Structures are given as C-alpha cells and as structure tokens.
Amino acid sequence: MLGNFKSVATAAVKDLEAAKQFYANKLGLKQIGSEGQEAVTYKTGGDTTLLVYRSQYAGQNGATAVTWNVDNIQDVVRDLKAKGVTFEHYDIPGAKIDGDIHSFGTLHNAWFKDPDGNIHSLVSRS
C-alpha cells in the first residue's frame, strides 16, 4: 500500500536556526518550504526532500538518520570538509578505512553529524 507514495527523510533538531545554517551553508541545500518556526523543507536530489523540524528529542538517534547516494564520495568528502564538516570514524569489522572513507569492497561510506548529532551517511559504489 505505502509503496505507491513518496517518502521524506526527516531530521529532528533543537536549534532550528543553527540547523538552517548547517544545512544551507555547509551542505548546500536549498530551502523550499517552512512551517513557521517549527520546520523547514529542503530540496535534495531528484524529487526528494529533507524535512528538518524542531523537537525536544533531537540527536537521540544513535543510528544513521539520512543517507546520501553520491557519485564520487572522495569529491563530496573533500568539498564538505572544506566547508568545515567533520567526519566520523567507526570501528566496523571488515572495513578498510582511507582517510574519512570506510570501504567494504565496492561500497564506500563516510559519516558526519549535524549540529544536533543526527548522523548522515554518504554512500557510493565503484
């Protein structure tokens, strides 16, 4: 039933103004909507969106909240680092770590957090 409907990625934040600066200035997302002082919507690739909303429970998810499929992970990591994004490093069995990129054969991942600690993942295949 739900396979016929679009879905939206969401990220809860405590400080919406700080989040707006991060998502617009560091990640380069364009805001396409807002719900007053409670939420903003950003355009992402294709016809997808990311909803960033105010919540007292922000940053409590210890797992990846948003995954970005990218063409060249090395270029994206380099560009985000140049804007001040800090990448996470995880001790994952079987991962080969090269700088900020964890590789599992042809699958490559890099993780970073937004100001509230929401984990974002970059993924590419080669």
C-alpha atoms as a PDB file:
ATOM      1  CA  MET A   1       0.000   0.000   0.000  1.00  0.00           C
ATOM      2  CA  LEU A   2       2.596   2.626   1.007  1.00  0.00           C
ATOM      3  CA  GLY A   3       4.766   1.637  -1.947  1.00  0.00           C
ATOM      4  CA  ASN A   4       2.607   3.945  -4.061  1.00  0.00           C
ATOM      5  CA  PHE A   5       3.514   7.064  -2.094  1.00  0.00           C
ATOM      6  CA  LYS A   6       6.630   9.231  -1.826  1.00  0.00           C
ATOM      7  CA  SER A   7       8.504   9.344   1.462  1.00  0.00           C
ATOM      8  CA  VAL A   8      10.562  12.133   3.013  1.00  0.00           C
ATOM      9  CA  ALA A   9      13.732  11.930   5.104  1.00  0.00           C
ATOM     10  CA  THR A  10      13.440  13.785   8.423  1.00  0.00           C
ATOM     11  CA  ALA A  11      15.927  15.107  10.967  1.00  0.00           C
ATOM     12  CA  ALA A  12      14.944  16.407  14.393  1.00  0.00           C
ATOM     13  CA  VAL A  13      16.853  19.417  15.744  1.00  0.00           C
ATOM     14  CA  LYS A  14      16.731  21.503  18.904  1.00  0.00           C
ATOM     15  CA  ASP A  15      18.027  24.756  17.408  1.00  0.00           C
ATOM     16  CA  LEU A  16      16.315  25.311  14.066  1.00  0.00           C
ATOM     17  CA  GLU A  17      18.336  28.446  13.260  1.00  0.00           C
ATOM     18  CA  ALA A  18      21.670  26.637  13.750  1.00  0.00           C
ATOM     19  CA  ALA A  19      20.366  23.739  11.680  1.00  0.00           C
ATOM     20  CA  LYS A  20      19.333  26.096   8.872  1.00  0.00           C
ATOM     21  CA  GLN A  21      22.863  27.476   8.739  1.00  0.00           C
ATOM     22  CA  PHE A  22      24.348  23.977   8.629  1.00  0.00           C
ATOM     23  CA  TYR A  23      22.011  22.531   6.010  1.00  0.00           C
ATOM     24  CA  ALA A  24      22.141  25.592   3.744  1.00  0.00           C
ATOM     25  CA  ASN A  25      25.731  26.783   4.138  1.00  0.00           C
ATOM     26  CA  LYS A  26      27.659  23.575   4.785  1.00  0.00           C
ATOM     27  CA  LEU A  27      25.570  21.040   2.872  1.00  0.00           C
ATOM     28  CA  GLY A  28      24.423  23.443   0.154  1.00  0.00           C
ATOM     29  CA  LEU A  29      20.713  22.600   0.365  1.00  0.00           C
ATOM     30  CA  LYS A  30      18.044  24.970  -0.903  1.00  0.00           C
ATOM     31  CA  GLN A  31      15.120  25.645   1.427  1.00  0.00           C
ATOM     32  CA  ILE A  32      11.828  25.169  -0.409  1.00  0.00           C
ATOM     33  CA  GLY A  33       9.315  25.489   2.412  1.00  0.00           C
ATOM     34  CA  SER A  34       8.752  26.177   6.081  1.00  0.00           C
ATOM     35  CA  GLU A  35       6.252  25.661   8.840  1.00  0.00           C
ATOM     36  CA  GLY A  36       6.837  28.861  10.770  1.00  0.00           C
ATOM     37  CA  GLN A  37       9.476  28.440  13.464  1.00  0.00           C
ATOM     38  CA  GLU A  38       8.994  24.673  13.722  1.00  0.00           C
ATOM     39  CA  ALA A  39      10.236  23.117  10.474  1.00  0.00           C
ATOM     40  CA  VAL A  40      11.897  23.715   7.129  1.00  0.00           C
ATOM     41  CA  THR A  41      11.946  21.607   3.990  1.00  0.00           C
ATOM     42  CA  TYR A  42      14.978  21.335   1.739  1.00  0.00           C
ATOM     43  CA  LYS A  43      15.219  20.148  -1.847  1.00  0.00           C
ATOM     44  CA  THR A  44      17.570  17.230  -2.290  1.00  0.00           C
ATOM     45  CA  GLY A  45      18.315  15.158  -5.412  1.00  0.00           C
ATOM     46  CA  GLY A  46      15.634  14.413  -7.985  1.00  0.00           C
ATOM     47  CA  ASP A  47      12.220  14.852  -6.459  1.00  0.00           C
ATOM     48  CA  THR A  48      13.256  14.074  -2.880  1.00  0.00           C
ATOM     49  CA  THR A  49      13.201  16.359   0.129  1.00  0.00           C
ATOM     50  CA  LEU A  50      14.543  16.579   3.654  1.00  0.00           C
ATOM     51  CA  LEU A  51      12.323  17.870   6.463  1.00  0.00           C
ATOM     52  CA  VAL A  52      14.237  19.411   9.383  1.00  0.00           C
ATOM     53  CA  TYR A  53      11.989  20.014  12.364  1.00  0.00           C
ATOM     54  CA  ARG A  54      12.261  21.243  15.935  1.00  0.00           C
ATOM     55  CA  SER A  55      11.998  18.524  18.589  1.00  0.00           C
ATOM     56  CA  GLN A  56      12.990  18.149  22.220  1.00  0.00           C
ATOM     57  CA  TYR A  57      14.186  14.640  21.312  1.00  0.00           C
ATOM     58  CA  ALA A  58      16.722  15.807  18.709  1.00  0.00           C
ATOM     59  CA  GLY A  59      20.013  13.994  18.437  1.00  0.00           C
ATOM     60  CA  GLN A  60      18.927  10.904  20.361  1.00  0.00           C
ATOM     61  CA  ASN A  61      19.088   8.535  17.387  1.00  0.00           C
ATOM     62  CA  GLY A  62      22.377   6.624  17.544  1.00  0.00           C
ATOM     63  CA  ALA A  63      21.973   5.304  14.009  1.00  0.00           C
ATOM     64  CA  THR A  64      22.128   6.891  10.568  1.00  0.00           C
ATOM     65  CA  ALA A  65      19.233   9.302  10.032  1.00  0.00           C
ATOM     66  CA  VAL A  66      19.813  10.345   6.406  1.00  0.00           C
ATOM     67  CA  THR A  67      21.759   8.611   3.622  1.00  0.00           C
ATOM     68  CA  TRP A  68      23.009  10.483   0.576  1.00  0.00           C
ATOM     69  CA  ASN A  69      23.821   8.442  -2.543  1.00  0.00           C
ATOM     70  CA  VAL A  70      26.693  10.246  -4.271  1.00  0.00           C
ATOM     71  CA  ASP A  71      28.626   9.649  -7.471  1.00  0.00           C
ATOM     72  CA  ASN A  72      32.150  10.353  -6.242  1.00  0.00           C
ATOM     73  CA  ILE A  73      32.454  10.081  -2.483  1.00  0.00           C
ATOM     74  CA  GLN A  74      36.048  11.376  -2.437  1.00  0.00           C
ATOM     75  CA  ASP A  75      34.988  14.653  -4.074  1.00  0.00           C
ATOM     76  CA  VAL A  76      31.969  15.104  -1.804  1.00  0.00           C
ATOM     77  CA  VAL A  77      34.000  14.401   1.352  1.00  0.00           C
ATOM     78  CA  ARG A  78      36.682  16.863   0.221  1.00  0.00           C
ATOM     79  CA  ASP A  79      34.102  19.577  -0.542  1.00  0.00           C
ATOM     80  CA  LEU A  80      32.249  19.126   2.757  1.00  0.00           C
ATOM     81  CA  LYS A  81      35.498  19.138   4.754  1.00  0.00           C
ATOM     82  CA  ALA A  82      36.420  22.421   3.050  1.00  0.00           C
ATOM     83  CA  LYS A  83      33.157  23.843   4.466  1.00  0.00           C
ATOM     84  CA  GLY A  84      34.009  22.667   7.977  1.00  0.00           C
ATOM     85  CA  VAL A  85      32.112  19.382   8.141  1.00  0.00           C
ATOM     86  CA  THR A  86      33.813  16.875  10.453  1.00  0.00           C
ATOM     87  CA  PHE A  87      33.628  13.196   9.583  1.00  0.00           C
ATOM     88  CA  GLU A  88      33.100  10.318  11.984  1.00  0.00           C
ATOM     89  CA  HIS A  89      35.262   7.189  12.145  1.00  0.00           C
ATOM     90  CA  TYR A  90      33.793   3.861  13.206  1.00  0.00           C
ATOM     91  CA  ASP A  91      35.465   0.584  14.065  1.00  0.00           C
ATOM     92  CA  ILE A  92      33.491  -1.707  11.758  1.00  0.00           C
ATOM     93  CA  PRO A  93      34.704  -5.250  11.133  1.00  0.00           C
ATOM     94  CA  GLY A  94      35.784  -5.723   7.516  1.00  0.00           C
ATOM     95  CA  ALA A  95      36.038  -2.005   6.755  1.00  0.00           C
ATOM     96  CA  LYS A  96      39.122  -0.603   5.083  1.00  0.00           C
ATOM     97  CA  ILE A  97      39.500   3.000   6.197  1.00  0.00           C
ATOM     98  CA  ASP A  98      41.189   5.516   3.920  1.00  0.00           C
ATOM     99  CA  GLY A  99      41.042   8.992   5.446  1.00  0.00           C
ATOM    100  CA  ASP A 100      37.364   9.594   6.215  1.00  0.00           C
ATOM    101  CA  ILE A 101      36.030   6.885   3.890  1.00  0.00           C
ATOM    102  CA  HIS A 102      35.150   3.362   5.048  1.00  0.00           C
ATOM    103  CA  SER A 103      35.196   0.822   2.216  1.00  0.00           C
ATOM    104  CA  PHE A 104      33.607  -2.584   2.052  1.00  0.00           C
ATOM    105  CA  GLY A 105      34.711  -3.888  -1.325  1.00  0.00           C
ATOM    106  CA  THR A 106      32.926  -1.707  -3.882  1.00  0.00           C
ATOM    107  CA  LEU A 107      30.728   0.022  -1.263  1.00  0.00           C
ATOM    108  CA  HIS A 108      32.159   3.239   0.198  1.00  0.00           C
ATOM    109  CA  ASN A 109      30.719   5.140   3.193  1.00  0.00           C
ATOM    110  CA  ALA A 110      31.518   8.309   5.095  1.00  0.00           C
ATOM    111  CA  TRP A 111      29.551   9.621   8.076  1.00  0.00           C
ATOM    112  CA  PHE A 112      29.128  13.082   9.579  1.00  0.00           C
ATOM    113  CA  LYS A 113      26.814  14.681  12.134  1.00  0.00           C
ATOM    114  CA  ASP A 114      24.679  17.793  12.018  1.00  0.00           C
ATOM    115  CA  PRO A 115      24.818  20.265  14.961  1.00  0.00           C
ATOM    116  CA  ASP A 116      22.311  18.148  16.933  1.00  0.00           C
ATOM    117  CA  GLY A 117      24.184  14.885  16.420  1.00  0.00           C
ATOM    118  CA  ASN A 118      21.979  13.424  13.694  1.00  0.00           C
ATOM    119  CA  ILE A 119      24.153  11.028  11.715  1.00  0.00           C
ATOM    120  CA  HIS A 120      24.295  11.449   7.928  1.00  0.00           C
ATOM    121  CA  SER A 121      25.888   8.913   5.607  1.00  0.00           C
ATOM    122  CA  LEU A 122      27.438   9.354   2.200  1.00  0.00           C
ATOM    123  CA  VAL A 123      27.377   6.204   0.048  1.00  0.00           C
ATOM    124  CA  SER A 124      28.887   5.406  -3.326  1.00  0.00           C
ATOM    125  CA  ARG A 125      29.789   2.289  -5.282  1.00  0.00           C
ATOM    126  CA  SER A 126      32.740   1.711  -7.556  1.00  0.00           C
END
